[in-house]
Amino acid sequence: MMRTEHDKTRVAAERADDQIGFYINLAVYLLVNAILVGLNVQSGEAWWAQWPALGWGMGIAGHALAVFGSTPRIFAEWRLRRINRLRSQL
């Protein structure tokens, strides 16, 4: 299938949006977990801050794979087909 310049631009814009979304998610993750570590240190309680960091970190890793890995192309292509199908129904 030959892509037009418009299609290439649209796909590139979607990928850029996905990458921006990942970096925003990563920044929030780092900020929130830094605050949690600070709260954990101040409280003097047993170490607990690693659990939210670990759980959310797995989500961040999945997000990174979806945006930058090889698997997401499958999802991106499916999404594009889905958008086209839904657009044709409107």
PDB file of N, CA and C in Angstrom:
ATOM      1  N   MET A   1       0.838  -1.178   0.000  1.00  0.00           N
ATOM      2  CA  MET A   1       0.000   0.000   0.000  1.00  0.00           C
ATOM      3  C   MET A   1       0.884   1.243   0.000  1.00  0.00           C
ATOM      4  N   MET A   2       0.658   2.105  -0.932  1.00  0.00           N
ATOM      5  CA  MET A   2       1.431   3.337  -1.065  1.00  0.00           C
ATOM      6  C   MET A   2       0.832   4.409  -0.163  1.00  0.00           C
ATOM      7  N   ARG A   3       1.656   4.975   0.687  1.00  0.00           N
ATOM      8  CA  ARG A   3       1.174   6.025   1.584  1.00  0.00           C
ATOM      9  C   ARG A   3       1.408   7.390   0.945  1.00  0.00           C
ATOM     10  N   THR A   4       0.425   8.244   1.062  1.00  0.00           N
ATOM     11  CA  THR A   4       0.575   9.610   0.578  1.00  0.00           C
ATOM     12  C   THR A   4       1.362  10.409   1.611  1.00  0.00           C
ATOM     13  N   GLU A   5       1.771  11.595   1.223  1.00  0.00           N
ATOM     14  CA  GLU A   5       2.493  12.468   2.161  1.00  0.00           C
ATOM     15  C   GLU A   5       1.597  12.829   3.339  1.00  0.00           C
ATOM     16  N   HIS A   6       0.314  12.990   3.065  1.00  0.00           N
ATOM     17  CA  HIS A   6      -0.628  13.289   4.156  1.00  0.00           C
ATOM     18  C   HIS A   6      -0.681  12.126   5.147  1.00  0.00           C
ATOM     19  N   ASP A   7      -0.735  10.897   4.631  1.00  0.00           N
ATOM     20  CA  ASP A   7      -0.760   9.720   5.502  1.00  0.00           C
ATOM     21  C   ASP A   7       0.519   9.629   6.327  1.00  0.00           C
ATOM     22  N   LYS A   8       1.651   9.870   5.694  1.00  0.00           N
ATOM     23  CA  LYS A   8       2.938   9.808   6.407  1.00  0.00           C
ATOM     24  C   LYS A   8       2.986  10.852   7.510  1.00  0.00           C
ATOM     25  N   THR A   9       2.501  12.047   7.196  1.00  0.00           N
ATOM     26  CA  THR A   9       2.493  13.117   8.197  1.00  0.00           C
ATOM     27  C   THR A   9       1.576  12.761   9.359  1.00  0.00           C
ATOM     28  N   ARG A  10       0.413  12.220   9.053  1.00  0.00           N
ATOM     29  CA  ARG A  10      -0.540  11.834  10.106  1.00  0.00           C
ATOM     30  C   ARG A  10       0.048  10.749  10.997  1.00  0.00           C
ATOM     31  N   VAL A  11       0.667   9.734  10.403  1.00  0.00           N
ATOM     32  CA  VAL A  11       1.261   8.644  11.180  1.00  0.00           C
ATOM     33  C   VAL A  11       2.409   9.176  12.033  1.00  0.00           C
ATOM     34  N   ALA A  12       3.237  10.048  11.442  1.00  0.00           N
ATOM     35  CA  ALA A  12       4.346  10.632  12.203  1.00  0.00           C
ATOM     36  C   ALA A  12       3.823  11.465  13.373  1.00  0.00           C
ATOM     37  N   ALA A  13       2.747  12.208  13.144  1.00  0.00           N
ATOM     38  CA  ALA A  13       2.158  13.017  14.212  1.00  0.00           C
ATOM     39  C   ALA A  13       1.617  12.132  15.325  1.00  0.00           C
ATOM     40  N   GLU A  14       0.987  11.016  14.962  1.00  0.00           N
ATOM     41  CA  GLU A  14       0.472  10.089  15.976  1.00  0.00           C
ATOM     42  C   GLU A  14       1.613   9.486  16.790  1.00  0.00           C
ATOM     43  N   ARG A  15       2.689   9.126  16.129  1.00  0.00           N
ATOM     44  CA  ARG A  15       3.839   8.564  16.850  1.00  0.00           C
ATOM     45  C   ARG A  15       4.465   9.597  17.770  1.00  0.00           C
ATOM     46  N   ALA A  16       4.567  10.842  17.282  1.00  0.00           N
ATOM     47  CA  ALA A  16       5.102  11.912  18.127  1.00  0.00           C
ATOM     48  C   ALA A  16       4.212  12.120  19.349  1.00  0.00           C
ATOM     49  N   ASP A  17       2.887  12.104  19.152  1.00  0.00           N
ATOM     50  CA  ASP A  17       1.959  12.239  20.276  1.00  0.00           C
ATOM     51  C   ASP A  17       2.126  11.098  21.270  1.00  0.00           C
ATOM     52  N   ASP A  18       2.316   9.887  20.770  1.00  0.00           N
ATOM     53  CA  ASP A  18       2.535   8.728  21.646  1.00  0.00           C
ATOM     54  C   ASP A  18       3.811   8.905  22.465  1.00  0.00           C
ATOM     55  N   GLN A  19       4.860   9.387  21.828  1.00  0.00           N
ATOM     56  CA  GLN A  19       6.130   9.583  22.525  1.00  0.00           C
ATOM     57  C   GLN A  19       6.018  10.688  23.563  1.00  0.00           C
ATOM     58  N   ILE A  20       5.334  11.771  23.220  1.00  0.00           N
ATOM     59  CA  ILE A  20       5.116  12.852  24.189  1.00  0.00           C
ATOM     60  C   ILE A  20       4.328  12.328  25.387  1.00  0.00           C
ATOM     61  N   GLY A  21       3.306  11.537  25.119  1.00  0.00           N
ATOM     62  CA  GLY A  21       2.526  10.949  26.207  1.00  0.00           C
ATOM     63  C   GLY A  21       3.377  10.081  27.118  1.00  0.00           C
ATOM     64  N   PHE A  22       4.296   9.314  26.517  1.00  0.00           N
ATOM     65  CA  PHE A  22       5.184   8.478  27.326  1.00  0.00           C
ATOM     66  C   PHE A  22       6.066   9.353  28.219  1.00  0.00           C
ATOM     67  N   TYR A  23       6.668  10.397  27.637  1.00  0.00           N
ATOM     68  CA  TYR A  23       7.570  11.241  28.422  1.00  0.00           C
ATOM     69  C   TYR A  23       6.836  11.980  29.539  1.00  0.00           C
ATOM     70  N   ILE A  24       5.589  12.379  29.302  1.00  0.00           N
ATOM     71  CA  ILE A  24       4.795  12.993  30.370  1.00  0.00           C
ATOM     72  C   ILE A  24       4.540  11.975  31.477  1.00  0.00           C
ATOM     73  N   ASN A  25       4.163  10.751  31.097  1.00  0.00           N
ATOM     74  CA  ASN A  25       3.933   9.682  32.067  1.00  0.00           C
ATOM     75  C   ASN A  25       5.206   9.418  32.882  1.00  0.00           C
ATOM     76  N   LEU A  26       6.360   9.375  32.211  1.00  0.00           N
ATOM     77  CA  LEU A  26       7.631   9.134  32.893  1.00  0.00           C
ATOM     78  C   LEU A  26       7.955  10.266  33.864  1.00  0.00           C
ATOM     79  N   ALA A  27       7.737  11.515  33.451  1.00  0.00           N
ATOM     80  CA  ALA A  27       8.025  12.660  34.326  1.00  0.00           C
ATOM     81  C   ALA A  27       7.142  12.630  35.575  1.00  0.00           C
ATOM     82  N   VAL A  28       5.867  12.319  35.399  1.00  0.00           N
ATOM     83  CA  VAL A  28       4.958  12.243  36.547  1.00  0.00           C
ATOM     84  C   VAL A  28       5.388  11.104  37.466  1.00  0.00           C
ATOM     85  N   TYR A  29       5.756   9.973  36.873  1.00  0.00           N
ATOM     86  CA  TYR A  29       6.235   8.815  37.643  1.00  0.00           C
ATOM     87  C   TYR A  29       7.434   9.208  38.507  1.00  0.00           C
ATOM     88  N   LEU A  30       8.415   9.864  37.900  1.00  0.00           N
ATOM     89  CA  LEU A  30       9.621  10.253  38.640  1.00  0.00           C
ATOM     90  C   LEU A  30       9.300  11.250  39.742  1.00  0.00           C
ATOM     91  N   LEU A  31       8.462  12.236  39.452  1.00  0.00           N
ATOM     92  CA  LEU A  31       8.106  13.247  40.444  1.00  0.00           C
ATOM     93  C   LEU A  31       7.346  12.632  41.620  1.00  0.00           C
ATOM     94  N   VAL A  32       6.322  11.865  41.315  1.00  0.00           N
ATOM     95  CA  VAL A  32       5.501  11.275  42.386  1.00  0.00           C
ATOM     96  C   VAL A  32       6.324  10.316  43.230  1.00  0.00           C
ATOM     97  N   ASN A  33       7.144   9.501  42.589  1.00  0.00           N
ATOM     98  CA  ASN A  33       7.932   8.548  43.365  1.00  0.00           C
ATOM     99  C   ASN A  33       9.026   9.229  44.181  1.00  0.00           C
ATOM    100  N   ALA A  34       9.557  10.345  43.706  1.00  0.00           N
ATOM    101  CA  ALA A  34      10.512  11.112  44.516  1.00  0.00           C
ATOM    102  C   ALA A  34       9.812  11.645  45.769  1.00  0.00           C
ATOM    103  N   ILE A  35       8.594  12.122  45.607  1.00  0.00           N
ATOM    104  CA  ILE A  35       7.819  12.605  46.759  1.00  0.00           C
ATOM    105  C   ILE A  35       7.537  11.456  47.724  1.00  0.00           C
ATOM    106  N   LEU A  36       7.157  10.301  47.187  1.00  0.00           N
ATOM    107  CA  LEU A  36       6.876   9.145  48.052  1.00  0.00           C
ATOM    108  C   LEU A  36       8.121   8.700  48.820  1.00  0.00           C
ATOM    109  N   VAL A  37       9.261   8.703  48.167  1.00  0.00           N
ATOM    110  CA  VAL A  37      10.513   8.334  48.852  1.00  0.00           C
ATOM    111  C   VAL A  37      10.799   9.355  49.955  1.00  0.00           C
ATOM    112  N   GLY A  38      10.615  10.638  49.640  1.00  0.00           N
ATOM    113  CA  GLY A  38      10.825  11.669  50.658  1.00  0.00           C
ATOM    114  C   GLY A  38       9.907  11.484  51.854  1.00  0.00           C
ATOM    115  N   LEU A  39       8.639  11.190  51.579  1.00  0.00           N
ATOM    116  CA  LEU A  39       7.690  10.948  52.674  1.00  0.00           C
ATOM    117  C   LEU A  39       8.080   9.716  53.478  1.00  0.00           C
ATOM    118  N   ASN A  40       8.544   8.690  52.794  1.00  0.00           N
ATOM    119  CA  ASN A  40       8.940   7.456  53.469  1.00  0.00           C
ATOM    120  C   ASN A  40      10.151   7.705  54.368  1.00  0.00           C
ATOM    121  N   VAL A  41      11.104   8.466  53.887  1.00  0.00           N
ATOM    122  CA  VAL A  41      12.306   8.770  54.679  1.00  0.00           C
ATOM    123  C   VAL A  41      11.933   9.620  55.890  1.00  0.00           C
ATOM    124  N   GLN A  42      11.082  10.618  55.692  1.00  0.00           N
ATOM    125  CA  GLN A  42      10.670  11.489  56.804  1.00  0.00           C
ATOM    126  C   GLN A  42       9.871  10.749  57.862  1.00  0.00           C
ATOM    127  N   SER A  43       9.078   9.783  57.432  1.00  0.00           N
ATOM    128  CA  SER A  43       8.222   9.087  58.390  1.00  0.00           C
ATOM    129  C   SER A  43       9.019   8.177  59.318  1.00  0.00           C
ATOM    130  N   GLY A  44      10.164   7.716  58.854  1.00  0.00           N
ATOM    131  CA  GLY A  44      10.972   6.808  59.660  1.00  0.00           C
ATOM    132  C   GLY A  44      10.387   5.418  59.771  1.00  0.00           C
ATOM    133  N   GLU A  45       9.340   5.156  59.052  1.00  0.00           N
ATOM    134  CA  GLU A  45       8.705   3.836  59.082  1.00  0.00           C
ATOM    135  C   GLU A  45       9.495   2.859  58.218  1.00  0.00           C
ATOM    136  N   ALA A  46       9.021   1.617  58.231  1.00  0.00           N
ATOM    137  CA  ALA A  46       9.635   0.606  57.373  1.00  0.00           C
ATOM    138  C   ALA A  46       9.530   1.056  55.924  1.00  0.00           C
ATOM    139  N   TRP A  47      10.471   0.611  55.123  1.00  0.00           N
ATOM    140  CA  TRP A  47      10.539   1.026  53.724  1.00  0.00           C
ATOM    141  C   TRP A  47       9.330   0.487  52.963  1.00  0.00           C
ATOM    142  N   TRP A  48       8.529   1.376  52.374  1.00  0.00           N
ATOM    143  CA  TRP A  48       7.349   0.986  51.608  1.00  0.00           C
ATOM    144  C   TRP A  48       7.290   1.637  50.229  1.00  0.00           C
ATOM    145  N   ALA A  49       8.105   2.661  49.988  1.00  0.00           N
ATOM    146  CA  ALA A  49       8.015   3.449  48.754  1.00  0.00           C
ATOM    147  C   ALA A  49       8.379   2.652  47.502  1.00  0.00           C
ATOM    148  N   GLN A  50       9.069   1.539  47.682  1.00  0.00           N
ATOM    149  CA  GLN A  50       9.449   0.763  46.497  1.00  0.00           C
ATOM    150  C   GLN A  50       8.254   0.071  45.855  1.00  0.00           C
ATOM    151  N   TRP A  51       7.195  -0.198  46.622  1.00  0.00           N
ATOM    152  CA  TRP A  51       6.056  -0.942  46.064  1.00  0.00           C
ATOM    153  C   TRP A  51       5.282  -0.139  45.023  1.00  0.00           C
ATOM    154  N   PRO A  52       4.920   1.121  45.316  1.00  0.00           N
ATOM    155  CA  PRO A  52       4.280   1.893  44.251  1.00  0.00           C
ATOM    156  C   PRO A  52       5.215   2.111  43.058  1.00  0.00           C
ATOM    157  N   ALA A  53       6.512   2.330  43.350  1.00  0.00           N
ATOM    158  CA  ALA A  53       7.480   2.534  42.259  1.00  0.00           C
ATOM    159  C   ALA A  53       7.588   1.283  41.392  1.00  0.00           C
ATOM    160  N   LEU A  54       7.577   0.132  42.017  1.00  0.00           N
ATOM    161  CA  LEU A  54       7.680  -1.125  41.263  1.00  0.00           C
ATOM    162  C   LEU A  54       6.429  -1.368  40.423  1.00  0.00           C
ATOM    163  N   GLY A  55       5.262  -1.211  41.025  1.00  0.00           N
ATOM    164  CA  GLY A  55       4.019  -1.438  40.288  1.00  0.00           C
ATOM    165  C   GLY A  55       3.847  -0.470  39.131  1.00  0.00           C
ATOM    166  N   TRP A  56       4.033   0.799  39.415  1.00  0.00           N
ATOM    167  CA  TRP A  56       3.893   1.809  38.375  1.00  0.00           C
ATOM    168  C   TRP A  56       5.019   1.674  37.350  1.00  0.00           C
ATOM    169  N   GLY A  57       6.195   1.274  37.826  1.00  0.00           N
ATOM    170  CA  GLY A  57       7.340   1.074  36.927  1.00  0.00           C
ATOM    171  C   GLY A  57       7.073   0.000  35.884  1.00  0.00           C
ATOM    172  N   MET A  58       6.347  -1.046  36.265  1.00  0.00           N
ATOM    173  CA  MET A  58       5.978  -2.074  35.281  1.00  0.00           C
ATOM    174  C   MET A  58       5.055  -1.479  34.219  1.00  0.00           C
ATOM    175  N   GLY A  59       4.161  -0.602  34.646  1.00  0.00           N
ATOM    176  CA  GLY A  59       3.304   0.086  33.687  1.00  0.00           C
ATOM    177  C   GLY A  59       4.107   0.996  32.762  1.00  0.00           C
ATOM    178  N   ILE A  60       5.094   1.683  33.322  1.00  0.00           N
ATOM    179  CA  ILE A  60       5.977   2.549  32.517  1.00  0.00           C
ATOM    180  C   ILE A  60       6.743   1.704  31.506  1.00  0.00           C
ATOM    181  N   ALA A  61       7.231   0.554  31.937  1.00  0.00           N
ATOM    182  CA  ALA A  61       7.970  -0.328  31.020  1.00  0.00           C
ATOM    183  C   ALA A  61       7.068  -0.796  29.879  1.00  0.00           C
ATOM    184  N   GLY A  62       5.830  -1.154  30.198  1.00  0.00           N
ATOM    185  CA  GLY A  62       4.885  -1.545  29.156  1.00  0.00           C
ATOM    186  C   GLY A  62       4.586  -0.407  28.205  1.00  0.00           C
ATOM    187  N   HIS A  63       4.451   0.788  28.748  1.00  0.00           N
ATOM    188  CA  HIS A  63       4.197   1.965  27.929  1.00  0.00           C
ATOM    189  C   HIS A  63       5.385   2.216  26.999  1.00  0.00           C
ATOM    190  N   ALA A  64       6.604   2.080  27.531  1.00  0.00           N
ATOM    191  CA  ALA A  64       7.807   2.272  26.704  1.00  0.00           C
ATOM    192  C   ALA A  64       7.856   1.251  25.581  1.00  0.00           C
ATOM    193  N   LEU A  65       7.541  -0.002  25.892  1.00  0.00           N
ATOM    194  CA  LEU A  65       7.521  -1.027  24.844  1.00  0.00           C
ATOM    195  C   LEU A  65       6.473  -0.710  23.789  1.00  0.00           C
ATOM    196  N   ALA A  66       5.319  -0.228  24.236  1.00  0.00           N
ATOM    197  CA  ALA A  66       4.253   0.096  23.294  1.00  0.00           C
ATOM    198  C   ALA A  66       4.628   1.262  22.385  1.00  0.00           C
ATOM    199  N   VAL A  67       5.392   2.209  22.911  1.00  0.00           N
ATOM    200  CA  VAL A  67       5.735   3.392  22.124  1.00  0.00           C
ATOM    201  C   VAL A  67       7.004   3.183  21.302  1.00  0.00           C
ATOM    202  N   PHE A  68       8.011   2.540  21.887  1.00  0.00           N
ATOM    203  CA  PHE A  68       9.314   2.461  21.233  1.00  0.00           C
ATOM    204  C   PHE A  68       9.704   1.064  20.772  1.00  0.00           C
ATOM    205  N   GLY A  69       9.003   0.032  21.279  1.00  0.00           N
ATOM    206  CA  GLY A  69       9.377  -1.334  20.949  1.00  0.00           C
ATOM    207  C   GLY A  69       8.874  -1.769  19.590  1.00  0.00           C
ATOM    208  N   SER A  70       9.093  -3.041  19.258  1.00  0.00           N
ATOM    209  CA  SER A  70       8.673  -3.549  17.954  1.00  0.00           C
ATOM    210  C   SER A  70       7.212  -3.998  17.958  1.00  0.00           C
ATOM    211  N   THR A  71       6.694  -4.390  19.092  1.00  0.00           N
ATOM    212  CA  THR A  71       5.313  -4.851  19.174  1.00  0.00           C
ATOM    213  C   THR A  71       4.300  -3.752  18.873  1.00  0.00           C
ATOM    214  N   PRO A  72       4.554  -2.509  19.272  1.00  0.00           N
ATOM    215  CA  PRO A  72       3.520  -1.506  19.115  1.00  0.00           C
ATOM    216  C   PRO A  72       3.120  -1.234  17.674  1.00  0.00           C
ATOM    217  N   ARG A  73       3.988  -1.521  16.718  1.00  0.00           N
ATOM    218  CA  ARG A  73       3.614  -1.287  15.327  1.00  0.00           C
ATOM    219  C   ARG A  73       2.349  -2.073  14.994  1.00  0.00           C
ATOM    220  N   ILE A  74       2.251  -3.276  15.541  1.00  0.00           N
ATOM    221  CA  ILE A  74       1.056  -4.093  15.326  1.00  0.00           C
ATOM    222  C   ILE A  74      -0.163  -3.360  15.874  1.00  0.00           C
ATOM    223  N   PHE A  75      -0.030  -2.828  17.099  1.00  0.00           N
ATOM    224  CA  PHE A  75      -1.137  -2.107  17.707  1.00  0.00           C
ATOM    225  C   PHE A  75      -1.420  -0.807  16.971  1.00  0.00           C
ATOM    226  N   ALA A  76      -0.378  -0.119  16.537  1.00  0.00           N
ATOM    227  CA  ALA A  76      -0.561   1.138  15.808  1.00  0.00           C
ATOM    228  C   ALA A  76      -1.273   0.890  14.482  1.00  0.00           C
ATOM    229  N   GLU A  77      -0.898  -0.176  13.796  1.00  0.00           N
ATOM    230  CA  GLU A  77      -1.549  -0.494  12.526  1.00  0.00           C
ATOM    231  C   GLU A  77      -3.005  -0.901  12.754  1.00  0.00           C
ATOM    232  N   TRP A  78      -3.243  -1.675  13.811  1.00  0.00           N
ATOM    233  CA  TRP A  78      -4.620  -2.057  14.137  1.00  0.00           C
ATOM    234  C   TRP A  78      -5.430  -0.807  14.450  1.00  0.00           C
ATOM    235  N   ARG A  79      -4.840   0.104  15.237  1.00  0.00           N
ATOM    236  CA  ARG A  79      -5.530   1.341  15.596  1.00  0.00           C
ATOM    237  C   ARG A  79      -5.865   2.148  14.347  1.00  0.00           C
ATOM    238  N   LEU A  80      -4.929   2.226  13.429  1.00  0.00           N
ATOM    239  CA  LEU A  80      -5.159   2.968  12.195  1.00  0.00           C
ATOM    240  C   LEU A  80      -6.284   2.344  11.370  1.00  0.00           C
ATOM    241  N   ARG A  81      -6.283   1.008  11.279  1.00  0.00           N
ATOM    242  CA  ARG A  81      -7.377   0.332  10.568  1.00  0.00           C
ATOM    243  C   ARG A  81      -8.709   0.599  11.255  1.00  0.00           C
ATOM    244  N   ARG A  82      -8.699   0.573  12.581  1.00  0.00           N
ATOM    245  CA  ARG A  82      -9.922   0.805  13.358  1.00  0.00           C
ATOM    246  C   ARG A  82     -10.437   2.223  13.129  1.00  0.00           C
ATOM    247  N   ILE A  83      -9.528   3.198  13.144  1.00  0.00           N
ATOM    248  CA  ILE A  83      -9.913   4.588  12.902  1.00  0.00           C
ATOM    249  C   ILE A  83     -10.530   4.731  11.520  1.00  0.00           C
ATOM    250  N   ASN A  84      -9.893   4.136  10.526  1.00  0.00           N
ATOM    251  CA  ASN A  84     -10.413   4.219   9.161  1.00  0.00           C
ATOM    252  C   ASN A  84     -11.791   3.569   9.054  1.00  0.00           C
ATOM    253  N   ARG A  85     -11.969   2.426   9.708  1.00  0.00           N
ATOM    254  CA  ARG A  85     -13.257   1.739   9.670  1.00  0.00           C
ATOM    255  C   ARG A  85     -14.337   2.587  10.335  1.00  0.00           C
ATOM    256  N   LEU A  86     -14.017   3.138  11.503  1.00  0.00           N
ATOM    257  CA  LEU A  86     -14.983   3.956  12.208  1.00  0.00           C
ATOM    258  C   LEU A  86     -15.288   5.244  11.435  1.00  0.00           C
ATOM    259  N   ARG A  87     -14.266   5.806  10.807  1.00  0.00           N
ATOM    260  CA  ARG A  87     -14.451   7.024  10.026  1.00  0.00           C
ATOM    261  C   ARG A  87     -15.390   6.767   8.847  1.00  0.00           C
ATOM    262  N   SER A  88     -15.261   5.603   8.249  1.00  0.00           N
ATOM    263  CA  SER A  88     -16.103   5.284   7.108  1.00  0.00           C
ATOM    264  C   SER A  88     -17.568   5.068   7.526  1.00  0.00           C
ATOM    265  N   GLN A  89     -17.798   4.778   8.792  1.00  0.00           N
ATOM    266  CA  GLN A  89     -19.155   4.566   9.288  1.00  0.00           C
ATOM    267  C   GLN A  89     -19.855   5.873   9.639  1.00  0.00           C
ATOM    268  N   LEU A  90     -19.095   6.940   9.722  1.00  0.00           N
ATOM    269  CA  LEU A  90     -19.696   8.238  10.100  1.00  0.00           C
ATOM    270  C   LEU A  90     -20.369   8.908   8.932  1.00  0.00           C
TER     271      LEU A  90
END
